[in-house]
C-alpha atoms as a PDB file:
ATOM      1  CA  MET A   1    -118.156 -58.069 103.131  1.00  0.00           C
ATOM      2  CA  LEU A   2    -117.224 -60.025 106.271  1.00  0.00           C
ATOM      3  CA  ASN A   3    -113.978 -62.621 106.282  1.00  0.00           C
ATOM      4  CA  GLY A   4    -114.027 -66.049 107.859  1.00  0.00           C
ATOM      5  CA  GLU A   5    -113.558 -64.347 111.323  1.00  0.00           C
ATOM      6  CA  GLY A   6    -116.631 -61.892 110.663  1.00  0.00           C
ATOM      7  CA  GLU A   7    -114.316 -58.714 110.159  1.00  0.00           C
ATOM      8  CA  ASN A   8    -115.045 -56.146 107.652  1.00  0.00           C
ATOM      9  CA  VAL A   9    -112.760 -56.440 104.329  1.00  0.00           C
ATOM     10  CA  ALA A  10    -110.836 -53.441 103.827  1.00  0.00           C
ATOM     11  CA  LEU A  11    -111.583 -51.481 100.661  1.00  0.00           C
ATOM     12  CA  SER A  12    -108.270 -51.790  97.754  1.00  0.00           C
ATOM     13  CA  SER A  13    -107.630 -49.254  95.479  1.00  0.00           C
ATOM     14  CA  MET A  14    -106.424 -50.577  92.026  1.00  0.00           C
ATOM     15  CA  THR A  15    -103.148 -48.604  92.231  1.00  0.00           C
ATOM     16  CA  GLY A  16    -100.073 -49.466  94.013  1.00  0.00           C
ATOM     17  CA  PHE A  17     -96.695 -50.338  93.437  1.00  0.00           C
ATOM     18  CA  ALA A  18     -94.316 -53.521  95.278  1.00  0.00           C
ATOM     19  CA  ARG A  19     -90.549 -54.634  94.268  1.00  0.00           C
ATOM     20  CA  ILE A  20     -88.735 -57.176  96.334  1.00  0.00           C
ATOM     21  CA  GLU A  21     -85.554 -59.044  95.592  1.00  0.00           C
ATOM     22  CA  GLY A  22     -83.720 -61.713  96.605  1.00  0.00           C
ATOM     23  CA  GLN A  23     -81.304 -64.908  95.430  1.00  0.00           C
ATOM     24  CA  HIS A  24     -81.277 -68.888  95.128  1.00  0.00           C
ATOM     25  CA  GLU A  25     -78.159 -70.591  94.645  1.00  0.00           C
ATOM     26  CA  GLY A  26     -76.051 -67.596  92.774  1.00  0.00           C
ATOM     27  CA  THR A  27     -78.919 -66.639  90.365  1.00  0.00           C
ATOM     28  CA  GLY A  28     -80.293 -62.896  91.882  1.00  0.00           C
ATOM     29  CA  TRP A  29     -83.695 -62.185  91.399  1.00  0.00           C
ATOM     30  CA  VAL A  30     -86.259 -58.874  91.126  1.00  0.00           C
ATOM     31  CA  TRP A  31     -89.649 -59.058  91.369  1.00  0.00           C
ATOM     32  CA  GLU A  32     -91.412 -55.566  90.321  1.00  0.00           C
ATOM     33  CA  ALA A  33     -95.256 -55.202  90.489  1.00  0.00           C
ATOM     34  CA  LYS A  34     -97.253 -51.917  89.043  1.00  0.00           C
ATOM     35  CA  SER A  35    -100.945 -51.699  89.375  1.00  0.00           C
ATOM     36  CA  VAL A  36    -103.399 -49.152  87.812  1.00  0.00           C
ATOM     37  CA  ASN A  37    -106.962 -48.706  86.948  1.00  0.00           C
ATOM     38  CA  ALA A  38    -109.377 -51.013  84.512  1.00  0.00           C
ATOM     39  CA  LYS A  39    -112.193 -51.946  83.998  1.00  0.00           C
ATOM     40  CA  GLY A  40    -111.413 -55.661  84.359  1.00  0.00           C
ATOM     41  CA  LEU A  41    -108.243 -57.878  85.361  1.00  0.00           C
ATOM     42  CA  ASP A  42    -105.467 -57.526  83.026  1.00  0.00           C
ATOM     43  CA  VAL A  43    -102.241 -59.294  83.864  1.00  0.00           C
ATOM     44  CA  ARG A  44     -98.974 -58.462  82.033  1.00  0.00           C
ATOM     45  CA  PHE A  45     -95.411 -59.829  82.199  1.00  0.00           C
ATOM     46  CA  ARG A  46     -92.002 -59.140  81.414  1.00  0.00           C
ATOM     47  CA  LEU A  47     -89.698 -61.986  81.942  1.00  0.00           C
ATOM     48  CA  PRO A  48     -86.121 -63.071  81.162  1.00  0.00           C
ATOM     49  CA  SER A  49     -85.532 -65.008  77.846  1.00  0.00           C
ATOM     50  CA  GLY A  50     -85.939 -68.864  78.515  1.00  0.00           C
ATOM     51  CA  TYR A  51     -88.436 -68.073  81.153  1.00  0.00           C
ATOM     52  CA  ASP A  52     -91.579 -68.098  79.338  1.00  0.00           C
ATOM     53  CA  GLY A  53     -93.097 -71.470  80.973  1.00  0.00           C
ATOM     54  CA  LEU A  54     -93.168 -69.364  83.931  1.00  0.00           C
ATOM     55  CA  GLU A  55     -96.160 -66.732  83.498  1.00  0.00           C
ATOM     56  CA  VAL A  56     -98.475 -69.454  83.631  1.00  0.00           C
ATOM     57  CA  LYS A  57     -98.222 -70.345  86.772  1.00  0.00           C
ATOM     58  CA  ALA A  58     -97.576 -66.763  87.701  1.00  0.00           C
ATOM     59  CA  ARG A  59    -100.940 -65.843  86.181  1.00  0.00           C
ATOM     60  CA  SER A  60    -103.096 -67.606  88.194  1.00  0.00           C
ATOM     61  CA  LYS A  61    -101.471 -66.668  91.367  1.00  0.00           C
ATOM     62  CA  VAL A  62    -102.033 -62.873  90.544  1.00  0.00           C
ATOM     63  CA  GLN A  63    -105.928 -63.924  89.697  1.00  0.00           C
ATOM     64  CA  GLU A  64    -105.986 -65.104  93.325  1.00  0.00           C
ATOM     65  CA  SER A  65    -104.936 -62.404  94.556  1.00  0.00           C
ATOM     66  CA  PHE A  66    -106.921 -59.405  92.810  1.00  0.00           C
ATOM     67  CA  LYS A  67    -110.321 -59.173  90.872  1.00  0.00           C
ATOM     68  CA  ARG A  68    -109.476 -55.483  88.947  1.00  0.00           C
ATOM     69  CA  GLY A  69    -106.824 -53.676  87.679  1.00  0.00           C
ATOM     70  CA  ASN A  70    -103.710 -53.461  84.913  1.00  0.00           C
ATOM     71  CA  ILE A  71    -100.900 -55.467  86.616  1.00  0.00           C
ATOM     72  CA  PHE A  72     -97.761 -55.407  85.395  1.00  0.00           C
ATOM     73  CA  LEU A  73     -95.162 -58.276  86.609  1.00  0.00           C
ATOM     74  CA  THR A  74     -91.318 -57.608  85.522  1.00  0.00           C
ATOM     75  CA  LEU A  75     -88.589 -59.790  86.646  1.00  0.00           C
ATOM     76  CA  SER A  76     -85.022 -59.469  86.599  1.00  0.00           C
ATOM     77  CA  LEU A  77     -82.192 -61.847  86.753  1.00  0.00           C
ATOM     78  CA  SER A  78     -78.497 -61.727  87.600  1.00  0.00           C
ATOM     79  CA  THR A  79     -76.311 -64.505  87.700  1.00  0.00           C
ATOM     80  CA  ALA A  80     -72.568 -64.828  88.638  1.00  0.00           C
ATOM     81  CA  LYS A  81     -69.981 -65.323  86.306  1.00  0.00           C
ATOM     82  CA  GLY A  82     -69.745 -68.579  84.107  1.00  0.00           C
ATOM     83  CA  GLY A  83     -73.079 -69.421  85.647  1.00  0.00           C
ATOM     84  CA  ILE A  84     -75.529 -69.067  82.542  1.00  0.00           C
ATOM     85  CA  ALA A  85     -74.907 -68.831  78.477  1.00  0.00           C
ATOM     86  CA  LEU A  86     -77.184 -67.742  75.887  1.00  0.00           C
ATOM     87  CA  ARG A  87     -77.749 -69.424  72.939  1.00  0.00           C
ATOM     88  CA  LEU A  88     -79.448 -69.297  69.469  1.00  0.00           C
ATOM     89  CA  ASN A  89     -82.755 -71.439  68.950  1.00  0.00           C
ATOM     90  CA  GLU A  90     -82.365 -72.785  65.841  1.00  0.00           C
ATOM     91  CA  ASP A  91     -85.479 -73.780  65.079  1.00  0.00           C
ATOM     92  CA  VAL A  92     -87.298 -70.335  66.160  1.00  0.00           C
ATOM     93  CA  ALA A  93     -84.583 -68.842  63.957  1.00  0.00           C
ATOM     94  CA  ASP A  94     -85.327 -70.346  60.881  1.00  0.00           C
ATOM     95  CA  THR A  95     -88.855 -70.685  61.211  1.00  0.00           C
ATOM     96  CA  LEU A  96     -88.810 -66.796  62.047  1.00  0.00           C
ATOM     97  CA  SER A  97     -85.884 -66.077  58.871  1.00  0.00           C
ATOM     98  CA  GLY A  98     -88.608 -67.765  56.322  1.00  0.00           C
ATOM     99  CA  ILE A  99     -91.400 -65.489  57.335  1.00  0.00           C
ATOM    100  CA  LEU A 100     -89.304 -62.439  57.005  1.00  0.00           C
ATOM    101  CA  GLU A 101     -88.077 -63.231  53.873  1.00  0.00           C
ATOM    102  CA  THR A 102     -91.769 -63.678  52.667  1.00  0.00           C
ATOM    103  CA  LEU A 103     -92.852 -60.518  54.280  1.00  0.00           C
ATOM    104  CA  THR A 104     -89.914 -58.663  52.976  1.00  0.00           C
ATOM    105  CA  GLN A 105     -90.577 -59.587  49.228  1.00  0.00           C
ATOM    106  CA  ARG A 106     -94.197 -59.385  49.325  1.00  0.00           C
ATOM    107  CA  PHE A 107     -94.619 -55.712  51.028  1.00  0.00           C
ATOM    108  CA  ASP A 108     -91.227 -54.711  49.627  1.00  0.00           C
ATOM    109  CA  ALA A 109     -90.149 -53.468  53.670  1.00  0.00           C
ATOM    110  CA  ASP A 110     -86.853 -53.130  55.058  1.00  0.00           C
ATOM    111  CA  LYS A 111     -85.475 -56.128  56.784  1.00  0.00           C
ATOM    112  CA  PRO A 112     -85.761 -55.769  60.624  1.00  0.00           C
ATOM    113  CA  ARG A 113     -83.424 -54.261  63.029  1.00  0.00           C
ATOM    114  CA  LEU A 114     -81.625 -57.116  65.029  1.00  0.00           C
ATOM    115  CA  ASP A 115     -82.964 -55.533  68.778  1.00  0.00           C
ATOM    116  CA  GLY A 116     -85.993 -55.925  67.184  1.00  0.00           C
ATOM    117  CA  LEU A 117     -85.572 -59.774  66.625  1.00  0.00           C
ATOM    118  CA  LEU A 118     -83.982 -60.097  70.116  1.00  0.00           C
ATOM    119  CA  ARG A 119     -87.310 -59.426  71.715  1.00  0.00           C
ATOM    120  CA  VAL A 120     -88.942 -62.595  69.811  1.00  0.00           C
ATOM    121  CA  PRO A 121     -89.831 -64.721  72.486  1.00  0.00           C
ATOM    122  CA  GLY A 122     -87.481 -68.053  72.673  1.00  0.00           C
ATOM    123  CA  LEU A 123     -85.052 -66.713  69.905  1.00  0.00           C
ATOM    124  CA  ILE A 124     -82.414 -66.479  72.596  1.00  0.00           C
ATOM    125  CA  GLU A 125     -82.393 -69.204  75.139  1.00  0.00           C
ATOM    126  CA  SER A 126     -80.891 -69.400  78.539  1.00  0.00           C
ATOM    127  CA  LEU A 127     -78.312 -72.354  78.463  1.00  0.00           C
ATOM    128  CA  ASP A 128     -77.622 -73.225  82.648  1.00  0.00           C
ATOM    129  CA  ARG A 129     -74.102 -74.826  82.347  1.00  0.00           C
ATOM    130  CA  ASP A 130     -74.210 -78.434  84.676  1.00  0.00           C
ATOM    131  CA  GLU A 131     -77.676 -77.620  85.700  1.00  0.00           C
ATOM    132  CA  SER A 132     -79.683 -80.667  86.488  1.00  0.00           C
ATOM    133  CA  GLN A 133     -83.485 -80.649  85.979  1.00  0.00           C
ATOM    134  CA  GLU A 134     -83.832 -80.697  90.013  1.00  0.00           C
ATOM    135  CA  ALA A 135     -82.026 -77.263  90.481  1.00  0.00           C
ATOM    136  CA  VAL A 136     -83.954 -75.739  87.814  1.00  0.00           C
ATOM    137  CA  LEU A 137     -86.876 -76.404  89.750  1.00  0.00           C
ATOM    138  CA  GLY A 138     -85.691 -75.287  92.441  1.00  0.00           C
ATOM    139  CA  ARG A 139     -85.198 -72.115  91.102  1.00  0.00           C
ATOM    140  CA  GLU A 140     -88.498 -71.488  89.697  1.00  0.00           C
ATOM    141  CA  LYS A 141     -90.062 -72.686  93.161  1.00  0.00           C
ATOM    142  CA  ALA A 142     -87.669 -69.871  94.370  1.00  0.00           C
ATOM    143  CA  LEU A 143     -88.951 -67.326  91.857  1.00  0.00           C
ATOM    144  CA  LEU A 144     -92.800 -68.392  92.546  1.00  0.00           C
ATOM    145  CA  LYS A 145     -92.158 -67.648  96.239  1.00  0.00           C
ATOM    146  CA  GLY A 146     -90.814 -64.465  95.440  1.00  0.00           C
ATOM    147  CA  LEU A 147     -93.747 -63.573  93.161  1.00  0.00           C
ATOM    148  CA  GLN A 148     -95.986 -64.301  95.901  1.00  0.00           C
ATOM    149  CA  LYS A 149     -94.103 -61.977  98.297  1.00  0.00           C
ATOM    150  CA  VAL A 150     -94.400 -59.033  95.972  1.00  0.00           C
ATOM    151  CA  LEU A 151     -98.073 -59.866  95.424  1.00  0.00           C
ATOM    152  CA  VAL A 152     -98.772 -59.589  99.083  1.00  0.00           C
ATOM    153  CA  ASP A 153     -96.903 -56.069  99.353  1.00  0.00           C
ATOM    154  CA  LEU A 154     -99.471 -54.929  96.502  1.00  0.00           C
ATOM    155  CA  THR A 155    -101.845 -56.030  98.042  1.00  0.00           C
ATOM    156  CA  GLU A 156    -100.742 -54.186 101.254  1.00  0.00           C
ATOM    157  CA  MET A 157    -100.177 -50.976  99.459  1.00  0.00           C
ATOM    158  CA  ARG A 158    -103.305 -50.898  97.761  1.00  0.00           C
ATOM    159  CA  ALA A 159    -105.077 -51.544 100.642  1.00  0.00           C
ATOM    160  CA  GLN A 160    -103.512 -48.733 102.168  1.00  0.00           C
ATOM    161  CA  GLU A 161    -104.356 -46.188  99.124  1.00  0.00           C
ATOM    162  CA  GLY A 162    -108.183 -47.759  99.473  1.00  0.00           C
ATOM    163  CA  MET A 163    -108.270 -46.548 103.512  1.00  0.00           C
ATOM    164  CA  HIS A 164    -107.247 -42.976 101.909  1.00  0.00           C
ATOM    165  CA  LEU A 165    -109.705 -43.506  99.160  1.00  0.00           C
ATOM    166  CA  GLY A 166    -112.171 -44.477 101.623  1.00  0.00           C
ATOM    167  CA  LYS A 167    -111.823 -40.723 103.857  1.00  0.00           C
ATOM    168  CA  VAL A 168    -112.050 -38.798 100.634  1.00  0.00           C
ATOM    169  CA  ILE A 169    -115.060 -40.665  99.440  1.00  0.00           C
ATOM    170  CA  THR A 170    -116.838 -40.188 102.599  1.00  0.00           C
ATOM    171  CA  GLY A 171    -116.180 -36.403 102.639  1.00  0.00           C
ATOM    172  CA  PHE A 172    -117.739 -35.812  98.908  1.00  0.00           C
ATOM    173  CA  LEU A 173    -121.003 -38.113 100.513  1.00  0.00           C
ATOM    174  CA  ASP A 174    -121.259 -35.741 103.197  1.00  0.00           C
ATOM    175  CA  GLU A 175    -121.251 -32.967 100.533  1.00  0.00           C
ATOM    176  CA  ILE A 176    -124.019 -34.716  98.661  1.00  0.00           C
ATOM    177  CA  ASP A 177    -125.858 -35.146 101.904  1.00  0.00           C
ATOM    178  CA  ARG A 178    -125.074 -31.297 102.811  1.00  0.00           C
ATOM    179  CA  LEU A 179    -125.930 -30.180  99.370  1.00  0.00           C
ATOM    180  CA  ARG A 180    -129.549 -32.528  99.209  1.00  0.00           C
ATOM    181  CA  GLY A 181    -130.606 -30.434 102.291  1.00  0.00           C
ATOM    182  CA  ARG A 182    -130.081 -27.337 100.803  1.00  0.00           C
ATOM    183  CA  ALA A 183    -132.183 -28.688  97.677  1.00  0.00           C
ATOM    184  CA  GLU A 184    -134.977 -29.491 100.081  1.00  0.00           C
ATOM    185  CA  ASP A 185    -135.684 -26.339 101.419  1.00  0.00           C
ATOM    186  CA  CYS A 186    -135.768 -25.056  97.953  1.00  0.00           C
ATOM    187  CA  ALA A 187    -138.029 -27.147  96.658  1.00  0.00           C
ATOM    188  CA  ALA A 188    -140.083 -26.424  99.532  1.00  0.00           C
ATOM    189  CA  LEU A 189    -140.502 -22.759  98.407  1.00  0.00           C
ATOM    190  CA  GLN A 190    -141.304 -24.033  94.882  1.00  0.00           C
ATOM    191  CA  PRO A 191    -145.292 -24.834  95.369  1.00  0.00           C
ATOM    192  CA  PRO A 192    -146.232 -21.153  96.967  1.00  0.00           C
ATOM    193  CA  ALA A 193    -143.891 -19.374  94.516  1.00  0.00           C
ATOM    194  CA  MET A 194    -145.413 -21.004  91.621  1.00  0.00           C
ATOM    195  CA  LYS A 195    -148.646 -20.490  92.641  1.00  0.00           C
ATOM    196  CA  LYS A 196    -147.687 -16.431  92.972  1.00  0.00           C
ATOM    197  CA  LYS A 197    -146.303 -16.621  89.697  1.00  0.00           C
ATOM    198  CA  PHE A 198    -149.537 -18.741  88.134  1.00  0.00           C
ATOM    199  CA  GLN A 199    -151.492 -16.148  90.000  1.00  0.00           C
ATOM    200  CA  ALA A 200    -149.903 -13.299  87.967  1.00  0.00           C
ATOM    201  CA  GLN A 201    -149.990 -14.692  84.742  1.00  0.00           C
ATOM    202  CA  LEU A 202    -153.629 -15.814  85.230  1.00  0.00           C
ATOM    203  CA  ASP A 203    -154.440 -12.261  86.115  1.00  0.00           C
ATOM    204  CA  GLU A 204    -152.993 -11.091  83.058  1.00  0.00           C
ATOM    205  CA  LEU A 205    -154.641 -13.544  80.615  1.00  0.00           C
ATOM    206  CA  LEU A 206    -158.014 -12.806  82.708  1.00  0.00           C
ATOM    207  CA  ASP A 207    -157.365  -9.394  81.631  1.00  0.00           C
ATOM    208  CA  THR A 208    -157.330  -9.848  78.034  1.00  0.00           C
ATOM    209  CA  ALA A 209    -159.067 -13.170  77.450  1.00  0.00           C
ATOM    210  CA  PRO A 210    -162.249 -14.703  78.198  1.00  0.00           C
ATOM    211  CA  PRO A 211    -162.951 -16.294  81.853  1.00  0.00           C
ATOM    212  CA  VAL A 212    -161.388 -19.478  82.073  1.00  0.00           C
ATOM    213  CA  ALA A 213    -163.257 -22.500  83.849  1.00  0.00           C
ATOM    214  CA  GLU A 214    -161.913 -22.709  87.567  1.00  0.00           C
ATOM    215  CA  ASP A 215    -161.593 -26.896  87.284  1.00  0.00           C
ATOM    216  CA  ARG A 216    -159.165 -26.393  83.931  1.00  0.00           C
ATOM    217  CA  LEU A 217    -157.092 -23.747  85.626  1.00  0.00           C
ATOM    218  CA  ALA A 218    -156.872 -25.917  89.051  1.00  0.00           C
ATOM    219  CA  GLN A 219    -155.827 -29.134  86.397  1.00  0.00           C
ATOM    220  CA  GLU A 220    -153.028 -26.797  84.857  1.00  0.00           C
ATOM    221  CA  PHE A 221    -151.706 -25.577  88.466  1.00  0.00           C
ATOM    222  CA  ALA A 222    -151.344 -29.605  89.557  1.00  0.00           C
ATOM    223  CA  LEU A 223    -150.017 -30.338  86.082  1.00  0.00           C
ATOM    224  CA  LEU A 224    -147.265 -27.415  86.756  1.00  0.00           C
ATOM    225  CA  VAL A 225    -146.517 -28.179  90.585  1.00  0.00           C
ATOM    226  CA  ALA A 226    -145.997 -31.919  89.692  1.00  0.00           C
ATOM    227  CA  LYS A 227    -143.685 -31.138  87.267  1.00  0.00           C
ATOM    228  CA  ALA A 228    -141.475 -28.788  89.690  1.00  0.00           C
ATOM    229  CA  ASP A 229    -141.846 -31.448  92.664  1.00  0.00           C
ATOM    230  CA  THR A 230    -138.256 -32.777  92.920  1.00  0.00           C
ATOM    231  CA  ARG A 231    -138.922 -34.726  96.403  1.00  0.00           C
ATOM    232  CA  GLU A 232    -138.969 -37.943  94.841  1.00  0.00           C
ATOM    233  CA  GLU A 233    -135.498 -37.422  93.314  1.00  0.00           C
ATOM    234  CA  LEU A 234    -134.196 -36.202  96.684  1.00  0.00           C
ATOM    235  CA  ASP A 235    -135.376 -39.134  98.528  1.00  0.00           C
ATOM    236  CA  ARG A 236    -133.752 -41.531  95.925  1.00  0.00           C
ATOM    237  CA  LEU A 237    -130.497 -39.468  96.045  1.00  0.00           C
ATOM    238  CA  ALA A 238    -130.525 -40.118 100.184  1.00  0.00           C
ATOM    239  CA  ALA A 239    -130.985 -43.560  99.334  1.00  0.00           C
ATOM    240  CA  HIS A 240    -128.248 -43.702  96.670  1.00  0.00           C
ATOM    241  CA  VAL A 241    -125.798 -42.257  99.473  1.00  0.00           C
ATOM    242  CA  SER A 242    -126.979 -44.557 101.804  1.00  0.00           C
ATOM    243  CA  ALA A 243    -125.919 -47.515  99.449  1.00  0.00           C
ATOM    244  CA  VAL A 244    -122.345 -46.063  98.962  1.00  0.00           C
ATOM    245  CA  ARG A 245    -121.692 -45.993 102.712  1.00  0.00           C
ATOM    246  CA  ALA A 246    -122.959 -48.917 103.286  1.00  0.00           C
ATOM    247  CA  LEU A 247    -120.560 -50.674 100.355  1.00  0.00           C
ATOM    248  CA  LEU A 248    -117.378 -48.522 101.969  1.00  0.00           C
ATOM    249  CA  GLN A 249    -118.277 -50.422 105.333  1.00  0.00           C
ATOM    250  CA  ASP A 250    -118.354 -53.734 103.472  1.00  0.00           C
ATOM    251  CA  GLY A 251    -115.104 -53.249 101.427  1.00  0.00           C
ATOM    252  CA  GLY A 252    -113.852 -55.695  98.835  1.00  0.00           C
ATOM    253  CA  ALA A 253    -113.856 -55.975  95.138  1.00  0.00           C
ATOM    254  CA  VAL A 254    -117.068 -53.064  95.183  1.00  0.00           C
ATOM    255  CA  GLY A 255    -115.645 -50.687  92.617  1.00  0.00           C
ATOM    256  CA  ARG A 256    -118.194 -51.636  89.964  1.00  0.00           C
ATOM    257  CA  LYS A 257    -121.374 -51.423  92.339  1.00  0.00           C
ATOM    258  CA  LEU A 258    -119.812 -48.058  93.673  1.00  0.00           C
ATOM    259  CA  ASP A 259    -119.374 -46.939  89.400  1.00  0.00           C
ATOM    260  CA  PHE A 260    -123.393 -48.041  88.817  1.00  0.00           C
ATOM    261  CA  LEU A 261    -124.333 -45.787  92.354  1.00  0.00           C
ATOM    262  CA  CYS A 262    -122.666 -42.922  91.077  1.00  0.00           C
ATOM    263  CA  GLN A 263    -124.063 -43.558  87.388  1.00  0.00           C
ATOM    264  CA  GLU A 264    -127.466 -43.331  89.482  1.00  0.00           C
ATOM    265  CA  LEU A 265    -126.622 -40.024  91.539  1.00  0.00           C
ATOM    266  CA  ASN A 266    -125.975 -37.807  88.517  1.00  0.00           C
ATOM    267  CA  ARG A 267    -129.188 -39.234  86.804  1.00  0.00           C
ATOM    268  CA  GLU A 268    -131.000 -37.993  89.703  1.00  0.00           C
ATOM    269  CA  THR A 269    -129.025 -34.487  89.915  1.00  0.00           C
ATOM    270  CA  ASN A 270    -129.870 -33.926  86.318  1.00  0.00           C
ATOM    271  CA  THR A 271    -133.532 -34.532  86.729  1.00  0.00           C
ATOM    272  CA  ILE A 272    -133.588 -32.105  90.116  1.00  0.00           C
ATOM    273  CA  CYS A 273    -131.460 -29.406  87.654  1.00  0.00           C
ATOM    274  CA  SER A 274    -133.958 -30.082  84.498  1.00  0.00           C
ATOM    275  CA  LYS A 275    -137.119 -29.638  87.073  1.00  0.00           C
ATOM    276  CA  SER A 276    -135.658 -26.541  88.524  1.00  0.00           C
ATOM    277  CA  ALA A 277    -138.112 -23.290  88.081  1.00  0.00           C
ATOM    278  CA  ASP A 278    -135.657 -21.681  91.584  1.00  0.00           C
ATOM    279  CA  MET A 279    -132.076 -19.974  90.982  1.00  0.00           C
ATOM    280  CA  ASP A 280    -131.085 -21.452  94.374  1.00  0.00           C
ATOM    281  CA  LEU A 281    -132.309 -24.971  93.517  1.00  0.00           C
ATOM    282  CA  THR A 282    -130.723 -24.424  90.277  1.00  0.00           C
ATOM    283  CA  GLN A 283    -127.262 -23.610  91.042  1.00  0.00           C
ATOM    284  CA  THR A 284    -127.665 -26.244  94.235  1.00  0.00           C
ATOM    285  CA  GLY A 285    -128.414 -28.791  91.243  1.00  0.00           C
ATOM    286  CA  LEU A 286    -125.260 -27.499  89.749  1.00  0.00           C
ATOM    287  CA  ASP A 287    -123.095 -27.871  92.860  1.00  0.00           C
ATOM    288  CA  LEU A 288    -124.527 -31.349  93.153  1.00  0.00           C
ATOM    289  CA  LYS A 289    -123.476 -32.521  89.994  1.00  0.00           C
ATOM    290  CA  ALA A 290    -119.980 -31.102  90.614  1.00  0.00           C
ATOM    291  CA  SER A 291    -119.916 -33.297  93.805  1.00  0.00           C
ATOM    292  CA  VAL A 292    -121.270 -36.387  92.421  1.00  0.00           C
ATOM    293  CA  GLU A 293    -118.371 -36.003  89.299  1.00  0.00           C
ATOM    294  CA  GLN A 294    -116.026 -36.171  91.881  1.00  0.00           C
ATOM    295  CA  LEU A 295    -117.207 -38.763  93.800  1.00  0.00           C
ATOM    296  CA  ARG A 296    -117.148 -40.783  90.315  1.00  0.00           C
ATOM    297  CA  GLU A 297    -113.494 -39.696  89.869  1.00  0.00           C
ATOM    298  CA  GLN A 298    -112.365 -41.422  92.753  1.00  0.00           C
ATOM    299  CA  VAL A 299    -114.571 -44.220  92.576  1.00  0.00           C
ATOM    300  CA  GLN A 300    -112.863 -45.141  89.629  1.00  0.00           C
ATOM    301  CA  ASN A 301    -109.777 -46.294  91.906  1.00  0.00           C
ATOM    302  CA  ILE A 302    -111.378 -48.625  93.916  1.00  0.00           C
ATOM    303  CA  GLU A 303    -111.260 -52.393  92.978  1.00  0.00           C
END
């Protein structure tokens, strides 16, 4: 994948952590961002009471920066003494009280603890003393700017991890290529070995049964050889490995495509094992399966 300047886009991991802090007019803030593996993009926030409205704009910035991953964002605030007071939102409290009374009577349940109630969004609001709307908007702008910085740091960490993963994945691809070559050598010996085995069985059969037509024998032998021929699977294995290498070179959000190719690699190795009539080829097939599984484990971390 090329950017506007024609350069390769870096491979990105879905694992990372970033932290950044700052202050705006007496209010200190800390953003923390943590990212782990996911099939899609799932963004979760933990914001101070009274800042729920910030989530919509913050979520939009995250979606602009990432395509996949479970991303957890936490904002912590600290204010100089006397700067901010807290108040109970009476409307939310009245509504919540009615709901709790109904639930308690209907289900004969214990009343909830105070620490649990304090987690209800909007129940406790921050009351900024002598603060203008302009000051509120200024602080929000500063917090969003800080968020953008922590997202940049998280992106850089995921890119560094992606670079490391790229090297690890390349190592597994090299091993798969090596094993594929060994499988080709084993497979090349299969038709002669099968012919010898078939001839021995035929000689034994001819000693105890009426003669069998030569054309019938030729058909049976051709069928056995076709069933044991793994050249097609080995060719597709090589093609899939080349496709994985190309995606690693392209970079960007290629994790889903890589995972699909790993499934195809696993399918080919399973077929090779099922066709094998040779102990060496069977062992090589099992080694291939192990390497493909290790490859897929690493691919799960790619965005």
